[in-house]
Amino acid sequence: MQKVIIFSAPSGSGKTTLVKHCLEKFSQLEFSISCTTRNSRGEEKNGIDYHFINPEEFRTKIAEEAFVEFEEVYIDKYYGTLKSEVERIWAEGKAVIFDVDVKGGISLKKYFGDKALSIFIMPPSVAALELRLIARGTDDLETIKTRVAKANEEIAFKDEFDQIVVNDQLDDAKTEIENLLINFLKS
């Protein structure tokens, strides 16, 4: 099964919660662990949530063409998908599930084409998104302002995804995504 499912959204839209739900519901999926140069947040663990490396190591991997896609989201804050990670999951006979930023999602869809289902998780509004980021308590107010400004830019790309799911009511978003995945995985 050489398929991939791509989840992208502005920070704080509930994307990670929805990806974790999919992993619990669908045994044929496996999470692609991205590389990043940002610091871990909360309970995140190296090698489980992300491969945390420094910017110099990341740039070395770029030069080695080790990534399917990568992006410098903020200065020296890189995110990327390792080719070896995708190959490992496919070798296990599973479909890959990605939790990536919007530019990464667009790049992955272009790379994988029809093997990919790309889903944009839309917040109910930018104001609601800002409240979620504040409630999360992982970022200072300046970082939240930066994330909200970036969210406005990212939402402009929503139509480049195969599906848009508004995450207003979490249970409704879960059901909608389950149906999308059932149809995609059986095709």
N, C-alpha and C. Protein backbone atom coordinates (compact mmCIF):
# COMPACT_ATOMS: atom_id res chain seq x y z
N MET A 1 0.86 -1.18 0.00
CA MET A 1 0.00 0.00 0.00
C MET A 1 0.89 1.23 0.00
N GLN A 2 1.10 1.82 -1.14
CA GLN A 2 1.94 3.01 -1.21
C GLN A 2 1.06 4.25 -1.31
N LYS A 3 0.42 4.57 -0.16
CA LYS A 3 -0.44 5.74 -0.09
C LYS A 3 0.03 6.62 1.06
N VAL A 4 -0.29 7.92 0.93
CA VAL A 4 0.02 8.86 2.00
C VAL A 4 -1.19 9.74 2.27
N ILE A 5 -1.34 10.11 3.52
CA ILE A 5 -2.40 11.03 3.94
C ILE A 5 -1.71 12.21 4.59
N ILE A 6 -2.04 13.39 4.07
CA ILE A 6 -1.36 14.62 4.49
C ILE A 6 -2.33 15.50 5.25
N PHE A 7 -2.00 15.83 6.48
CA PHE A 7 -2.77 16.78 7.27
C PHE A 7 -1.97 18.07 7.40
N SER A 8 -2.58 19.18 7.03
CA SER A 8 -1.95 20.49 7.19
C SER A 8 -2.97 21.45 7.77
N ALA A 9 -2.47 22.46 8.46
CA ALA A 9 -3.35 23.44 9.09
C ALA A 9 -2.51 24.52 9.73
N PRO A 10 -3.12 25.67 9.97
CA PRO A 10 -2.43 26.65 10.80
C PRO A 10 -2.23 26.09 12.21
N SER A 11 -1.18 26.51 12.87
CA SER A 11 -0.89 26.08 14.23
C SER A 11 -2.10 26.35 15.13
N GLY A 12 -2.51 25.34 15.90
CA GLY A 12 -3.62 25.51 16.83
C GLY A 12 -4.97 25.11 16.28
N SER A 13 -5.02 24.57 15.06
CA SER A 13 -6.30 24.21 14.43
C SER A 13 -6.82 22.85 14.88
N GLY A 14 -6.02 22.09 15.60
CA GLY A 14 -6.44 20.76 16.04
C GLY A 14 -5.93 19.64 15.17
N LYS A 15 -5.02 19.96 14.30
CA LYS A 15 -4.48 18.97 13.35
C LYS A 15 -3.85 17.77 14.06
N THR A 16 -3.02 18.01 15.05
CA THR A 16 -2.34 16.92 15.74
C THR A 16 -3.33 16.02 16.48
N THR A 17 -4.34 16.61 17.08
CA THR A 17 -5.39 15.84 17.75
C THR A 17 -6.10 14.93 16.75
N LEU A 18 -6.39 15.45 15.56
CA LEU A 18 -7.08 14.67 14.54
C LEU A 18 -6.18 13.58 13.97
N VAL A 19 -4.91 13.85 13.81
CA VAL A 19 -3.97 12.83 13.33
C VAL A 19 -3.89 11.70 14.35
N LYS A 20 -3.79 12.02 15.63
CA LYS A 20 -3.73 10.99 16.67
C LYS A 20 -5.01 10.14 16.66
N HIS A 21 -6.15 10.77 16.43
CA HIS A 21 -7.42 10.03 16.33
C HIS A 21 -7.37 9.03 15.17
N CYS A 22 -6.87 9.46 14.03
CA CYS A 22 -6.78 8.58 12.85
C CYS A 22 -5.87 7.40 13.13
N LEU A 23 -4.76 7.64 13.81
CA LEU A 23 -3.83 6.56 14.13
C LEU A 23 -4.46 5.53 15.08
N GLU A 24 -5.35 5.99 15.95
CA GLU A 24 -6.06 5.07 16.85
C GLU A 24 -7.12 4.27 16.10
N LYS A 25 -7.77 4.88 15.13
CA LYS A 25 -8.89 4.25 14.40
C LYS A 25 -8.44 3.34 13.26
N PHE A 26 -7.31 3.64 12.64
CA PHE A 26 -6.89 2.93 11.43
C PHE A 26 -5.52 2.27 11.66
N SER A 27 -5.54 0.94 11.83
CA SER A 27 -4.29 0.22 12.11
C SER A 27 -3.35 0.19 10.92
N GLN A 28 -3.87 0.46 9.71
CA GLN A 28 -3.02 0.42 8.51
C GLN A 28 -2.25 1.73 8.29
N LEU A 29 -2.36 2.67 9.22
CA LEU A 29 -1.64 3.94 9.12
C LEU A 29 -0.44 3.95 10.06
N GLU A 30 0.61 4.63 9.64
CA GLU A 30 1.73 4.88 10.54
C GLU A 30 2.19 6.32 10.37
N PHE A 31 2.48 6.94 11.48
CA PHE A 31 2.88 8.35 11.53
C PHE A 31 4.29 8.54 10.99
N SER A 32 4.44 9.49 10.11
CA SER A 32 5.76 9.87 9.61
C SER A 32 6.33 10.90 10.57
N ILE A 33 7.44 10.56 11.17
CA ILE A 33 8.07 11.46 12.13
C ILE A 33 8.93 12.46 11.36
N SER A 34 8.55 13.72 11.44
CA SER A 34 9.27 14.78 10.74
C SER A 34 10.52 15.19 11.51
N CYS A 35 11.44 15.80 10.79
CA CYS A 35 12.60 16.44 11.41
C CYS A 35 12.27 17.91 11.65
N THR A 36 12.79 18.46 12.72
CA THR A 36 12.63 19.88 12.97
C THR A 36 13.82 20.39 13.78
N THR A 37 14.04 21.70 13.66
CA THR A 37 15.09 22.34 14.44
C THR A 37 14.51 23.12 15.61
N ARG A 38 13.18 23.14 15.74
CA ARG A 38 12.60 23.86 16.88
C ARG A 38 12.75 23.04 18.14
N ASN A 39 12.61 23.70 19.29
CA ASN A 39 12.68 23.00 20.56
C ASN A 39 11.40 22.21 20.79
N SER A 40 11.51 21.15 21.57
CA SER A 40 10.32 20.37 21.88
C SER A 40 9.38 21.19 22.76
N ARG A 41 8.07 20.89 22.62
CA ARG A 41 7.04 21.56 23.42
C ARG A 41 6.39 20.54 24.33
N GLY A 42 6.13 20.94 25.56
CA GLY A 42 5.37 20.09 26.48
C GLY A 42 5.97 18.71 26.63
N GLU A 43 5.17 17.69 26.28
CA GLU A 43 5.55 16.29 26.47
C GLU A 43 6.19 15.67 25.23
N GLU A 44 6.49 16.46 24.20
CA GLU A 44 7.05 15.90 22.96
C GLU A 44 8.37 15.19 23.23
N LYS A 45 8.54 14.05 22.52
CA LYS A 45 9.75 13.25 22.70
C LYS A 45 10.47 13.08 21.37
N ASN A 46 11.80 13.15 21.43
CA ASN A 46 12.64 12.96 20.26
C ASN A 46 12.47 11.53 19.74
N GLY A 47 12.28 11.41 18.42
CA GLY A 47 12.13 10.10 17.80
C GLY A 47 10.71 9.56 17.86
N ILE A 48 9.83 10.25 18.56
CA ILE A 48 8.42 9.84 18.64
C ILE A 48 7.53 10.90 18.00
N ASP A 49 7.66 12.14 18.48
CA ASP A 49 6.87 13.24 17.92
C ASP A 49 7.60 13.91 16.75
N TYR A 50 8.89 14.09 16.91
CA TYR A 50 9.77 14.68 15.89
C TYR A 50 11.16 14.10 16.07
N HIS A 51 11.97 14.25 15.04
CA HIS A 51 13.41 14.07 15.17
C HIS A 51 13.94 15.49 15.38
N PHE A 52 14.34 15.82 16.60
CA PHE A 52 14.83 17.16 16.91
C PHE A 52 16.33 17.21 16.62
N ILE A 53 16.72 18.06 15.66
CA ILE A 53 18.13 18.22 15.31
C ILE A 53 18.44 19.71 15.23
N ASN A 54 19.72 20.05 15.19
CA ASN A 54 20.08 21.46 15.12
C ASN A 54 20.08 21.94 13.65
N PRO A 55 20.06 23.25 13.43
CA PRO A 55 20.02 23.77 12.06
C PRO A 55 21.17 23.30 11.17
N GLU A 56 22.35 23.16 11.75
CA GLU A 56 23.51 22.72 10.96
C GLU A 56 23.29 21.28 10.46
N GLU A 57 22.82 20.40 11.33
CA GLU A 57 22.53 19.01 10.93
C GLU A 57 21.45 18.99 9.84
N PHE A 58 20.45 19.84 10.00
CA PHE A 58 19.36 19.89 9.03
C PHE A 58 19.89 20.30 7.66
N ARG A 59 20.72 21.34 7.64
CA ARG A 59 21.27 21.81 6.36
C ARG A 59 22.15 20.74 5.70
N THR A 60 22.84 19.93 6.52
CA THR A 60 23.63 18.82 5.97
C THR A 60 22.71 17.81 5.28
N LYS A 61 21.58 17.50 5.90
CA LYS A 61 20.63 16.55 5.30
C LYS A 61 20.03 17.13 4.00
N ILE A 62 19.83 18.44 3.95
CA ILE A 62 19.36 19.06 2.72
C ILE A 62 20.37 18.82 1.60
N ALA A 63 21.64 19.06 1.92
CA ALA A 63 22.71 18.87 0.93
C ALA A 63 22.80 17.42 0.47
N GLU A 64 22.47 16.48 1.35
CA GLU A 64 22.49 15.05 1.02
C GLU A 64 21.23 14.59 0.28
N GLU A 65 20.30 15.53 0.07
CA GLU A 65 19.01 15.24 -0.57
C GLU A 65 18.26 14.13 0.17
N ALA A 66 18.28 14.20 1.50
CA ALA A 66 17.65 13.19 2.34
C ALA A 66 16.15 13.44 2.55
N PHE A 67 15.64 14.58 2.08
CA PHE A 67 14.25 14.95 2.34
C PHE A 67 13.35 14.79 1.11
N VAL A 68 12.11 14.36 1.35
CA VAL A 68 11.06 14.41 0.34
C VAL A 68 10.68 15.88 0.15
N GLU A 69 10.57 16.58 1.27
CA GLU A 69 10.28 18.02 1.28
C GLU A 69 10.83 18.60 2.56
N PHE A 70 11.11 19.91 2.53
CA PHE A 70 11.51 20.61 3.74
C PHE A 70 11.15 22.08 3.57
N GLU A 71 11.09 22.77 4.69
CA GLU A 71 10.74 24.18 4.67
C GLU A 71 11.41 24.87 5.84
N GLU A 72 11.91 26.08 5.59
CA GLU A 72 12.37 26.93 6.68
C GLU A 72 11.19 27.82 7.02
N VAL A 73 10.43 27.43 8.06
CA VAL A 73 9.18 28.09 8.40
C VAL A 73 9.43 29.46 9.04
N TYR A 74 10.38 29.50 9.93
CA TYR A 74 10.87 30.73 10.54
C TYR A 74 12.39 30.66 10.43
N ILE A 75 13.09 31.75 10.71
CA ILE A 75 14.55 31.75 10.59
C ILE A 75 15.14 30.65 11.46
N ASP A 76 15.91 29.76 10.83
CA ASP A 76 16.55 28.61 11.47
C ASP A 76 15.57 27.63 12.11
N LYS A 77 14.28 27.72 11.77
CA LYS A 77 13.27 26.77 12.24
C LYS A 77 12.82 25.95 11.04
N TYR A 78 13.49 24.85 10.83
CA TYR A 78 13.24 23.97 9.69
C TYR A 78 12.31 22.83 10.09
N TYR A 79 11.53 22.37 9.11
CA TYR A 79 10.75 21.15 9.22
C TYR A 79 10.96 20.38 7.93
N GLY A 80 11.01 19.05 8.01
CA GLY A 80 11.18 18.27 6.80
C GLY A 80 10.77 16.82 6.97
N THR A 81 10.53 16.17 5.83
CA THR A 81 10.14 14.77 5.78
C THR A 81 11.28 13.96 5.16
N LEU A 82 11.79 13.03 5.91
CA LEU A 82 12.89 12.19 5.44
C LEU A 82 12.37 11.12 4.47
N LYS A 83 13.09 10.93 3.36
CA LYS A 83 12.75 9.87 2.41
C LYS A 83 12.79 8.51 3.12
N SER A 84 13.77 8.33 3.98
CA SER A 84 13.94 7.04 4.67
C SER A 84 12.73 6.71 5.55
N GLU A 85 12.07 7.72 6.09
CA GLU A 85 10.90 7.52 6.94
C GLU A 85 9.74 6.97 6.11
N VAL A 86 9.50 7.54 4.94
CA VAL A 86 8.43 7.07 4.06
C VAL A 86 8.71 5.64 3.60
N GLU A 87 9.94 5.39 3.18
CA GLU A 87 10.31 4.06 2.71
C GLU A 87 10.16 3.00 3.80
N ARG A 88 10.50 3.36 5.05
CA ARG A 88 10.37 2.44 6.18
C ARG A 88 8.90 2.04 6.38
N ILE A 89 8.01 3.02 6.35
CA ILE A 89 6.58 2.76 6.59
C ILE A 89 5.99 1.93 5.45
N TRP A 90 6.30 2.29 4.21
CA TRP A 90 5.80 1.51 3.08
C TRP A 90 6.31 0.08 3.12
N ALA A 91 7.54 -0.12 3.55
CA ALA A 91 8.11 -1.47 3.63
C ALA A 91 7.34 -2.33 4.63
N GLU A 92 6.69 -1.69 5.60
CA GLU A 92 5.86 -2.40 6.58
C GLU A 92 4.45 -2.65 6.04
N GLY A 93 4.18 -2.21 4.79
CA GLY A 93 2.87 -2.41 4.18
C GLY A 93 1.80 -1.47 4.70
N LYS A 94 2.22 -0.33 5.22
CA LYS A 94 1.27 0.63 5.78
C LYS A 94 1.23 1.91 4.94
N ALA A 95 0.17 2.68 5.15
CA ALA A 95 0.06 4.00 4.54
C ALA A 95 0.68 5.01 5.51
N VAL A 96 1.27 6.04 4.95
CA VAL A 96 1.95 7.08 5.74
C VAL A 96 0.96 8.18 6.07
N ILE A 97 0.98 8.65 7.30
CA ILE A 97 0.18 9.81 7.68
C ILE A 97 1.13 10.93 8.11
N PHE A 98 0.92 12.10 7.52
CA PHE A 98 1.78 13.26 7.78
C PHE A 98 1.02 14.33 8.56
N ASP A 99 1.72 14.98 9.45
CA ASP A 99 1.24 16.15 10.19
C ASP A 99 2.26 17.24 9.89
N VAL A 100 1.95 18.09 8.89
CA VAL A 100 2.94 19.06 8.40
C VAL A 100 2.32 20.45 8.25
N ASP A 101 3.19 21.45 8.13
CA ASP A 101 2.71 22.80 7.89
C ASP A 101 2.13 22.88 6.47
N VAL A 102 1.51 24.00 6.16
CA VAL A 102 0.78 24.15 4.90
C VAL A 102 1.68 24.05 3.68
N LYS A 103 2.82 24.73 3.70
CA LYS A 103 3.73 24.64 2.56
C LYS A 103 4.24 23.21 2.39
N GLY A 104 4.53 22.56 3.50
CA GLY A 104 4.97 21.16 3.45
C GLY A 104 3.89 20.27 2.87
N GLY A 105 2.64 20.52 3.24
CA GLY A 105 1.52 19.74 2.72
C GLY A 105 1.37 19.88 1.22
N ILE A 106 1.51 21.10 0.73
CA ILE A 106 1.43 21.35 -0.72
C ILE A 106 2.57 20.65 -1.44
N SER A 107 3.77 20.74 -0.88
CA SER A 107 4.94 20.08 -1.48
C SER A 107 4.77 18.57 -1.51
N LEU A 108 4.26 18.00 -0.42
CA LEU A 108 4.06 16.55 -0.36
C LEU A 108 3.02 16.10 -1.39
N LYS A 109 1.95 16.85 -1.53
CA LYS A 109 0.91 16.50 -2.51
C LYS A 109 1.49 16.52 -3.92
N LYS A 110 2.29 17.52 -4.23
CA LYS A 110 2.93 17.59 -5.55
C LYS A 110 3.86 16.40 -5.75
N TYR A 111 4.59 16.03 -4.72
CA TYR A 111 5.56 14.94 -4.81
C TYR A 111 4.86 13.59 -5.00
N PHE A 112 3.81 13.32 -4.22
CA PHE A 112 3.15 12.01 -4.23
C PHE A 112 1.97 11.91 -5.19
N GLY A 113 1.42 13.04 -5.64
CA GLY A 113 0.32 13.04 -6.61
C GLY A 113 -0.87 12.22 -6.18
N ASP A 114 -1.31 11.28 -7.04
CA ASP A 114 -2.51 10.48 -6.77
C ASP A 114 -2.34 9.49 -5.62
N LYS A 115 -1.12 9.26 -5.17
CA LYS A 115 -0.89 8.39 -4.01
C LYS A 115 -1.26 9.10 -2.71
N ALA A 116 -1.56 10.41 -2.80
CA ALA A 116 -1.78 11.22 -1.61
C ALA A 116 -3.21 11.75 -1.52
N LEU A 117 -3.71 11.81 -0.29
CA LEU A 117 -4.93 12.54 0.05
C LEU A 117 -4.48 13.67 0.96
N SER A 118 -4.69 14.91 0.51
CA SER A 118 -4.28 16.06 1.33
C SER A 118 -5.51 16.70 1.95
N ILE A 119 -5.43 16.91 3.27
CA ILE A 119 -6.55 17.45 4.04
C ILE A 119 -6.09 18.71 4.77
N PHE A 120 -6.83 19.80 4.55
CA PHE A 120 -6.55 21.06 5.24
C PHE A 120 -7.53 21.16 6.41
N ILE A 121 -7.00 21.29 7.62
CA ILE A 121 -7.84 21.48 8.80
C ILE A 121 -8.01 22.98 9.02
N MET A 122 -9.25 23.40 8.89
CA MET A 122 -9.59 24.82 8.96
C MET A 122 -10.12 25.17 10.36
N PRO A 123 -9.58 26.20 10.99
CA PRO A 123 -10.18 26.64 12.26
C PRO A 123 -11.52 27.30 11.99
N PRO A 124 -12.42 27.33 12.96
CA PRO A 124 -13.72 27.98 12.74
C PRO A 124 -13.57 29.46 12.39
N SER A 125 -12.52 30.10 12.94
CA SER A 125 -12.19 31.49 12.63
C SER A 125 -10.78 31.77 13.13
N VAL A 126 -10.20 32.85 12.67
CA VAL A 126 -8.86 33.22 13.14
C VAL A 126 -8.92 33.65 14.61
N ALA A 127 -10.01 34.29 15.00
CA ALA A 127 -10.18 34.69 16.41
C ALA A 127 -10.23 33.46 17.32
N ALA A 128 -10.96 32.43 16.89
CA ALA A 128 -11.03 31.18 17.66
C ALA A 128 -9.66 30.52 17.74
N LEU A 129 -8.93 30.59 16.64
CA LEU A 129 -7.58 30.03 16.60
C LEU A 129 -6.68 30.72 17.63
N GLU A 130 -6.75 32.04 17.67
CA GLU A 130 -5.93 32.79 18.62
C GLU A 130 -6.26 32.39 20.06
N LEU A 131 -7.54 32.22 20.36
CA LEU A 131 -7.94 31.79 21.71
C LEU A 131 -7.40 30.39 22.03
N ARG A 132 -7.42 29.49 21.04
CA ARG A 132 -6.87 28.14 21.25
C ARG A 132 -5.38 28.20 21.56
N LEU A 133 -4.65 29.04 20.82
CA LEU A 133 -3.21 29.17 21.03
C LEU A 133 -2.91 29.72 22.42
N ILE A 134 -3.69 30.68 22.86
CA ILE A 134 -3.51 31.25 24.20
C ILE A 134 -3.79 30.18 25.25
N ALA A 135 -4.90 29.44 25.06
CA ALA A 135 -5.29 28.41 26.03
C ALA A 135 -4.28 27.27 26.10
N ARG A 136 -3.62 27.00 24.98
CA ARG A 136 -2.64 25.92 24.94
C ARG A 136 -1.49 26.20 25.91
N GLY A 137 -1.15 27.47 26.07
CA GLY A 137 -0.15 27.87 27.06
C GLY A 137 1.28 27.46 26.76
N THR A 138 1.60 27.17 25.49
CA THR A 138 2.96 26.74 25.16
C THR A 138 3.80 27.86 24.55
N ASP A 139 3.17 28.98 24.19
CA ASP A 139 3.88 30.07 23.52
C ASP A 139 3.62 31.40 24.23
N ASP A 140 4.60 32.32 24.14
CA ASP A 140 4.39 33.66 24.67
C ASP A 140 3.52 34.45 23.69
N LEU A 141 3.05 35.62 24.13
CA LEU A 141 2.12 36.40 23.32
C LEU A 141 2.71 36.85 21.99
N GLU A 142 4.00 37.16 21.98
CA GLU A 142 4.65 37.57 20.72
C GLU A 142 4.64 36.42 19.71
N THR A 143 4.93 35.21 20.19
CA THR A 143 4.91 34.03 19.31
C THR A 143 3.50 33.78 18.81
N ILE A 144 2.51 33.96 19.68
CA ILE A 144 1.11 33.76 19.28
C ILE A 144 0.73 34.76 18.19
N LYS A 145 1.14 36.01 18.33
CA LYS A 145 0.85 37.02 17.29
C LYS A 145 1.46 36.60 15.96
N THR A 146 2.70 36.08 16.00
CA THR A 146 3.37 35.61 14.78
C THR A 146 2.59 34.45 14.17
N ARG A 147 2.14 33.51 15.01
CA ARG A 147 1.39 32.35 14.53
C ARG A 147 0.05 32.75 13.92
N VAL A 148 -0.61 33.72 14.53
CA VAL A 148 -1.91 34.18 14.01
C VAL A 148 -1.72 34.86 12.65
N ALA A 149 -0.68 35.68 12.53
CA ALA A 149 -0.39 36.33 11.24
C ALA A 149 -0.09 35.27 10.18
N LYS A 150 0.68 34.26 10.56
CA LYS A 150 1.01 33.17 9.63
C LYS A 150 -0.25 32.39 9.26
N ALA A 151 -1.16 32.20 10.22
CA ALA A 151 -2.41 31.48 9.95
C ALA A 151 -3.21 32.16 8.84
N ASN A 152 -3.27 33.47 8.89
CA ASN A 152 -3.99 34.20 7.84
C ASN A 152 -3.39 33.92 6.46
N GLU A 153 -2.06 33.87 6.40
CA GLU A 153 -1.38 33.56 5.12
C GLU A 153 -1.67 32.12 4.70
N GLU A 154 -1.61 31.19 5.65
CA GLU A 154 -1.79 29.77 5.33
C GLU A 154 -3.20 29.45 4.86
N ILE A 155 -4.19 30.08 5.47
CA ILE A 155 -5.58 29.84 5.09
C ILE A 155 -5.81 30.17 3.61
N ALA A 156 -5.05 31.10 3.09
CA ALA A 156 -5.18 31.48 1.67
C ALA A 156 -4.84 30.31 0.74
N PHE A 157 -4.14 29.28 1.24
CA PHE A 157 -3.74 28.13 0.42
C PHE A 157 -4.68 26.93 0.56
N LYS A 158 -5.75 27.07 1.31
CA LYS A 158 -6.62 25.93 1.62
C LYS A 158 -7.16 25.22 0.37
N ASP A 159 -7.39 25.97 -0.70
CA ASP A 159 -7.97 25.37 -1.91
C ASP A 159 -6.97 24.52 -2.70
N GLU A 160 -5.71 24.49 -2.28
CA GLU A 160 -4.72 23.64 -2.93
C GLU A 160 -4.73 22.22 -2.37
N PHE A 161 -5.62 21.96 -1.40
CA PHE A 161 -5.74 20.66 -0.78
C PHE A 161 -6.94 19.92 -1.35
N ASP A 162 -6.90 18.58 -1.28
CA ASP A 162 -7.99 17.77 -1.80
C ASP A 162 -9.28 18.00 -1.02
N GLN A 163 -9.16 18.15 0.27
CA GLN A 163 -10.33 18.30 1.15
C GLN A 163 -10.05 19.38 2.20
N ILE A 164 -11.12 20.09 2.58
CA ILE A 164 -11.04 21.07 3.67
C ILE A 164 -12.02 20.61 4.74
N VAL A 165 -11.54 20.45 5.96
CA VAL A 165 -12.38 20.05 7.08
C VAL A 165 -12.33 21.16 8.12
N VAL A 166 -13.49 21.75 8.43
CA VAL A 166 -13.56 22.80 9.45
C VAL A 166 -13.64 22.12 10.81
N ASN A 167 -12.69 22.41 11.67
CA ASN A 167 -12.65 21.82 13.01
C ASN A 167 -13.29 22.80 14.00
N ASP A 168 -14.63 22.83 13.95
CA ASP A 168 -15.39 23.64 14.90
C ASP A 168 -15.82 22.75 16.07
N GLN A 169 -16.48 21.64 15.73
CA GLN A 169 -16.86 20.63 16.71
C GLN A 169 -15.97 19.41 16.46
N LEU A 170 -15.14 19.06 17.42
CA LEU A 170 -14.14 18.01 17.24
C LEU A 170 -14.75 16.68 16.80
N ASP A 171 -15.85 16.26 17.41
CA ASP A 171 -16.45 14.98 17.04
C ASP A 171 -16.93 14.97 15.59
N ASP A 172 -17.47 16.09 15.12
CA ASP A 172 -17.91 16.19 13.73
C ASP A 172 -16.71 16.11 12.78
N ALA A 173 -15.62 16.79 13.14
CA ALA A 173 -14.41 16.76 12.31
C ALA A 173 -13.84 15.34 12.27
N LYS A 174 -13.85 14.63 13.40
CA LYS A 174 -13.36 13.25 13.44
C LYS A 174 -14.16 12.37 12.49
N THR A 175 -15.48 12.49 12.55
CA THR A 175 -16.36 11.67 11.69
C THR A 175 -16.11 11.97 10.22
N GLU A 176 -16.02 13.24 9.88
CA GLU A 176 -15.78 13.62 8.49
C GLU A 176 -14.45 13.04 7.98
N ILE A 177 -13.42 13.13 8.81
CA ILE A 177 -12.11 12.63 8.41
C ILE A 177 -12.12 11.10 8.30
N GLU A 178 -12.79 10.42 9.22
CA GLU A 178 -12.88 8.97 9.14
C GLU A 178 -13.48 8.55 7.79
N ASN A 179 -14.55 9.21 7.38
CA ASN A 179 -15.19 8.88 6.10
C ASN A 179 -14.26 9.14 4.91
N LEU A 180 -13.52 10.24 4.95
CA LEU A 180 -12.56 10.54 3.88
C LEU A 180 -11.49 9.45 3.79
N LEU A 181 -10.98 9.03 4.94
CA LEU A 181 -9.92 8.02 4.96
C LEU A 181 -10.43 6.66 4.52
N ILE A 182 -11.62 6.28 4.95
CA ILE A 182 -12.19 4.99 4.53
C ILE A 182 -12.26 4.92 3.01
N ASN A 183 -12.77 5.99 2.39
CA ASN A 183 -12.91 6.01 0.93
C ASN A 183 -11.56 6.01 0.24
N PHE A 184 -10.60 6.75 0.76
CA PHE A 184 -9.28 6.85 0.13
C PHE A 184 -8.52 5.53 0.24
N LEU A 185 -8.54 4.93 1.42
CA LEU A 185 -7.75 3.73 1.66
C LEU A 185 -8.28 2.51 0.92
N LYS A 186 -9.57 2.49 0.63
CA LYS A 186 -10.12 1.34 -0.10
C LYS A 186 -9.98 1.49 -1.62
N SER A 187 -9.65 2.68 -2.09
CA SER A 187 -9.56 2.89 -3.54
C SER A 187 -8.29 2.31 -4.13
